[in-house]
N, C-alpha and C. Protein backbone atom coordinates (compact mmCIF):
# COMPACT_ATOMS: atom_id res chain seq x y z
N MET A 1 11.39 -29.46 143.66
CA MET A 1 10.83 -27.86 143.58
C MET A 1 9.81 -27.78 142.23
N ILE A 2 9.96 -28.64 141.20
CA ILE A 2 9.30 -28.27 140.12
C ILE A 2 7.92 -29.00 140.19
N ALA A 3 7.95 -30.10 141.12
CA ALA A 3 6.72 -30.83 141.60
C ALA A 3 5.86 -30.07 142.51
N GLN A 4 6.28 -29.45 143.42
CA GLN A 4 5.95 -28.68 144.18
C GLN A 4 5.07 -27.18 143.48
N MET A 5 5.52 -27.14 142.57
CA MET A 5 4.96 -25.54 142.05
C MET A 5 3.72 -26.56 140.95
N LEU A 6 4.07 -27.46 140.56
CA LEU A 6 3.02 -28.05 139.85
C LEU A 6 1.78 -28.22 140.57
N LEU A 7 1.92 -29.14 142.07
CA LEU A 7 0.83 -29.21 142.72
C LEU A 7 0.39 -28.10 143.21
N LYS A 8 0.92 -26.79 143.47
CA LYS A 8 0.55 -25.68 143.95
C LYS A 8 -0.43 -25.03 143.08
N ASN A 9 -0.05 -25.12 141.62
CA ASN A 9 -0.98 -24.75 140.73
C ASN A 9 -2.29 -25.70 140.52
N LYS A 10 -2.18 -26.82 140.77
CA LYS A 10 -3.47 -27.52 140.79
C LYS A 10 -4.45 -27.39 141.85
N GLU A 11 -3.88 -26.78 142.97
CA GLU A 11 -4.86 -26.69 144.23
C GLU A 11 -5.47 -25.09 143.70
N LYS A 12 -6.76 -25.33 144.33
CA LYS A 12 -7.76 -23.95 144.13
C LYS A 12 -7.07 -23.06 145.05
N SER A 13 -7.26 -21.85 144.54
CA SER A 13 -7.20 -20.38 145.52
C SER A 13 -8.33 -20.09 146.10
N THR A 14 -7.71 -19.55 147.27
CA THR A 14 -9.18 -19.09 148.02
C THR A 14 -8.92 -17.66 147.54
N TYR A 15 -10.38 -16.83 148.10
CA TYR A 15 -10.58 -15.19 147.52
C TYR A 15 -9.22 -14.31 148.38
N LYS A 16 -8.85 -15.07 149.48
CA LYS A 16 -7.89 -14.39 150.20
C LYS A 16 -6.90 -14.67 149.57
N GLU A 17 -6.40 -15.69 148.61
CA GLU A 17 -5.15 -15.57 148.27
C GLU A 17 -5.14 -15.00 146.90
N ASP A 18 -6.51 -15.12 145.99
CA ASP A 18 -6.63 -14.05 144.79
C ASP A 18 -6.78 -12.67 145.12
N SER A 19 -7.21 -12.18 146.08
CA SER A 19 -7.22 -10.72 146.60
C SER A 19 -5.95 -10.41 147.00
N ALA A 20 -4.98 -11.39 147.49
CA ALA A 20 -3.30 -10.66 147.52
C ALA A 20 -2.98 -10.75 146.40
N SER A 21 -3.50 -11.22 145.39
CA SER A 21 -2.54 -11.27 144.13
C SER A 21 -3.06 -10.21 143.02
N GLU A 22 -4.22 -9.83 143.32
CA GLU A 22 -5.20 -9.01 142.29
C GLU A 22 -6.10 -8.55 143.13
N LYS A 23 -6.01 -7.26 143.56
CA LYS A 23 -6.99 -6.53 144.47
C LYS A 23 -8.17 -6.03 143.37
N PRO A 24 -9.79 -6.43 144.01
CA PRO A 24 -10.97 -5.68 143.13
C PRO A 24 -10.61 -4.66 142.24
N LEU A 25 -10.42 -3.94 142.80
CA LEU A 25 -10.42 -2.31 142.15
C LEU A 25 -9.48 -2.57 140.75
N ARG A 26 -8.23 -3.53 140.71
CA ARG A 26 -7.34 -3.54 139.55
C ARG A 26 -8.34 -4.51 138.74
N SER A 27 -9.26 -5.63 139.13
CA SER A 27 -10.00 -6.06 138.20
C SER A 27 -11.09 -5.27 137.65
N VAL A 28 -11.60 -4.24 138.01
CA VAL A 28 -12.75 -3.54 137.78
C VAL A 28 -11.98 -2.44 136.58
N VAL A 29 -10.88 -1.97 136.73
CA VAL A 29 -9.87 -0.95 135.85
C VAL A 29 -9.78 -1.76 134.69
N LYS A 30 -9.22 -2.89 135.05
CA LYS A 30 -8.88 -3.93 133.81
C LYS A 30 -10.16 -3.94 132.94
N SER A 31 -11.41 -4.69 133.60
CA SER A 31 -12.76 -4.51 132.69
C SER A 31 -13.07 -3.54 132.04
N LEU A 32 -13.09 -2.47 132.48
CA LEU A 32 -13.30 -1.25 131.88
C LEU A 32 -12.23 -1.05 130.74
N SER A 33 -11.18 -1.30 131.00
CA SER A 33 -9.85 -0.92 130.04
C SER A 33 -10.39 -1.62 128.82
N TRP A 34 -10.60 -3.06 129.18
CA TRP A 34 -10.91 -4.28 127.83
C TRP A 34 -11.94 -3.70 127.52
N ARG A 35 -13.59 -3.15 128.05
CA ARG A 35 -14.31 -2.74 127.48
C ARG A 35 -13.89 -1.81 126.34
N THR A 36 -13.45 -0.46 126.82
CA THR A 36 -13.07 0.46 126.27
C THR A 36 -12.07 -0.20 124.41
N ILE A 37 -11.52 -0.89 124.81
CA ILE A 37 -10.73 -1.11 123.92
C ILE A 37 -11.65 -1.75 122.62
N GLY A 38 -12.46 -2.97 123.04
CA GLY A 38 -13.68 -3.48 122.30
C GLY A 38 -14.31 -2.43 121.65
N THR A 39 -15.08 -1.58 122.49
CA THR A 39 -15.98 -0.54 122.06
C THR A 39 -15.38 0.40 120.80
N LEU A 40 -13.80 0.58 120.87
CA LEU A 40 -12.98 1.44 120.26
C LEU A 40 -12.85 0.52 118.78
N ASP A 41 -12.72 -0.64 119.03
CA ASP A 41 -12.42 -1.68 117.85
C ASP A 41 -13.89 -1.92 116.85
N THR A 42 -14.94 -1.99 117.81
CA THR A 42 -16.09 -1.80 117.14
C THR A 42 -16.45 -0.39 116.12
N ILE A 43 -16.45 0.65 117.03
CA ILE A 43 -16.31 1.97 116.28
C ILE A 43 -15.43 2.04 114.89
N LEU A 44 -14.12 1.47 115.08
CA LEU A 44 -13.65 1.47 113.96
C LEU A 44 -13.77 0.58 112.80
N ILE A 45 -14.07 -0.44 113.18
CA ILE A 45 -14.55 -1.47 112.32
C ILE A 45 -16.04 -1.11 111.45
N SER A 46 -17.18 -0.28 112.27
CA SER A 46 -18.22 0.23 112.00
C SER A 46 -17.83 1.31 110.85
N TRP A 47 -16.67 2.18 111.31
CA TRP A 47 -16.58 3.51 110.25
C TRP A 47 -15.95 3.13 109.41
N ILE A 48 -15.18 1.79 108.93
CA ILE A 48 -14.58 1.18 107.74
C ILE A 48 -15.61 0.81 107.20
N VAL A 49 -16.54 -0.04 107.49
CA VAL A 49 -17.65 -0.63 106.72
C VAL A 49 -18.70 0.29 106.09
N THR A 50 -18.94 1.31 107.00
CA THR A 50 -20.11 2.46 106.89
C THR A 50 -19.72 3.81 106.10
N GLY A 51 -18.31 4.08 106.45
CA GLY A 51 -17.96 5.15 105.96
C GLY A 51 -18.39 6.62 106.58
N GLU A 52 -19.24 6.23 107.76
CA GLU A 52 -19.69 7.27 108.66
C GLU A 52 -19.60 7.16 109.99
N LEU A 53 -18.82 8.06 110.44
CA LEU A 53 -18.44 8.59 111.70
C LEU A 53 -19.38 8.12 112.70
N THR A 54 -20.46 9.19 112.85
CA THR A 54 -21.60 9.28 113.44
C THR A 54 -22.27 8.02 113.69
N LEU A 55 -22.65 7.08 112.74
CA LEU A 55 -23.05 5.67 112.43
C LEU A 55 -22.04 4.97 113.29
N ALA A 56 -21.03 4.88 113.21
CA ALA A 56 -20.08 4.23 113.72
C ALA A 56 -20.25 4.28 115.10
N PHE A 57 -20.27 5.54 115.79
CA PHE A 57 -20.26 5.96 117.17
C PHE A 57 -21.46 5.46 117.78
N SER A 58 -22.63 5.58 116.92
CA SER A 58 -24.17 5.04 117.47
C SER A 58 -23.99 3.46 117.57
N ILE A 59 -23.43 2.65 116.81
CA ILE A 59 -23.28 1.45 116.74
C ILE A 59 -22.00 1.05 117.91
N GLY A 60 -21.27 1.90 118.27
CA GLY A 60 -20.03 1.51 119.45
C GLY A 60 -21.13 1.84 120.48
N SER A 61 -21.88 3.08 120.60
CA SER A 61 -22.70 3.01 121.89
C SER A 61 -23.62 2.15 122.02
N ILE A 62 -24.28 1.30 121.19
CA ILE A 62 -25.11 0.23 121.56
C ILE A 62 -24.66 -0.81 121.95
N GLU A 63 -23.56 -1.26 121.25
CA GLU A 63 -22.49 -2.42 121.37
C GLU A 63 -21.96 -2.29 123.12
N LEU A 64 -21.53 -1.22 123.72
CA LEU A 64 -21.26 -0.98 124.79
C LEU A 64 -22.09 -1.61 125.76
N VAL A 65 -23.43 -0.98 125.63
CA VAL A 65 -24.27 -1.40 126.66
C VAL A 65 -24.59 -3.08 126.22
N THR A 66 -24.97 -3.34 125.24
CA THR A 66 -25.60 -5.03 125.13
C THR A 66 -24.50 -5.89 125.28
N LYS A 67 -23.08 -5.57 125.09
CA LYS A 67 -22.06 -6.32 125.37
C LYS A 67 -21.66 -6.65 127.05
N MET A 68 -22.40 -5.37 127.99
CA MET A 68 -22.08 -5.71 129.35
C MET A 68 -23.28 -6.55 129.90
N VAL A 69 -24.27 -6.14 129.36
CA VAL A 69 -25.61 -6.77 129.74
C VAL A 69 -25.53 -8.30 129.31
N LEU A 70 -24.92 -8.97 128.01
CA LEU A 70 -24.95 -9.97 127.61
C LEU A 70 -23.84 -10.74 128.54
N TYR A 71 -22.82 -10.12 128.72
CA TYR A 71 -21.68 -10.77 129.76
C TYR A 71 -22.30 -11.07 131.11
N PHE A 72 -22.86 -9.93 131.69
CA PHE A 72 -23.28 -10.16 132.95
C PHE A 72 -24.55 -11.64 132.99
N PHE A 73 -25.08 -11.79 131.91
CA PHE A 73 -25.91 -13.00 131.88
C PHE A 73 -25.00 -14.45 131.61
N HIS A 74 -24.21 -14.00 130.74
CA HIS A 74 -23.31 -15.20 130.25
C HIS A 74 -22.56 -15.68 131.52
N GLU A 75 -22.07 -14.98 132.51
CA GLU A 75 -21.35 -15.09 133.59
C GLU A 75 -22.16 -15.61 134.87
N ARG A 76 -23.40 -15.30 134.87
CA ARG A 76 -24.62 -16.09 135.36
C ARG A 76 -24.89 -17.48 135.25
N VAL A 77 -24.66 -17.67 134.20
CA VAL A 77 -25.04 -18.90 133.62
C VAL A 77 -24.16 -19.71 133.74
N TRP A 78 -22.77 -19.51 133.34
CA TRP A 78 -21.34 -20.22 133.91
C TRP A 78 -21.46 -20.42 135.18
N ASN A 79 -21.85 -19.40 136.11
CA ASN A 79 -21.67 -20.01 137.68
C ASN A 79 -22.56 -20.98 138.06
N SER A 80 -23.48 -21.20 137.08
CA SER A 80 -24.57 -22.26 137.70
C SER A 80 -24.33 -23.66 137.11
N ILE A 81 -23.13 -23.64 135.89
CA ILE A 81 -22.95 -24.93 135.54
C ILE A 81 -21.52 -25.77 136.47
N LYS A 82 -21.68 -26.57 136.73
CA LYS A 82 -20.83 -27.49 137.98
C LYS A 82 -19.66 -27.65 137.08
N TRP A 83 -19.73 -27.95 135.77
CA TRP A 83 -18.64 -28.56 134.86
C TRP A 83 -17.44 -28.04 135.20
N GLY A 84 -15.90 -28.67 135.72
CA GLY A 84 -14.95 -27.88 135.79
C GLY A 84 -14.84 -27.41 137.27
N LYS A 85 -15.68 -27.38 138.07
CA LYS A 85 -15.54 -26.91 139.62
C LYS A 85 -15.02 -27.82 140.33
């Protein structure tokens, strides 16, 4: 039984199997919640460092956009790399 579980874990899953375990909307909500947590963290750190809440929110706003753009291109580059596929 353990051997079967290990073999199943080594097999590649299909989109149909993935979508059965996690729907795309769930992935979108998880992405948004993680980005929110990351931005709030940046705002908090910026506030601690600068002591200015307005400046901290400005930094957080810029970070929100730049991190999404950078992540998009990061994903596109990794999709073109064959290693590990």
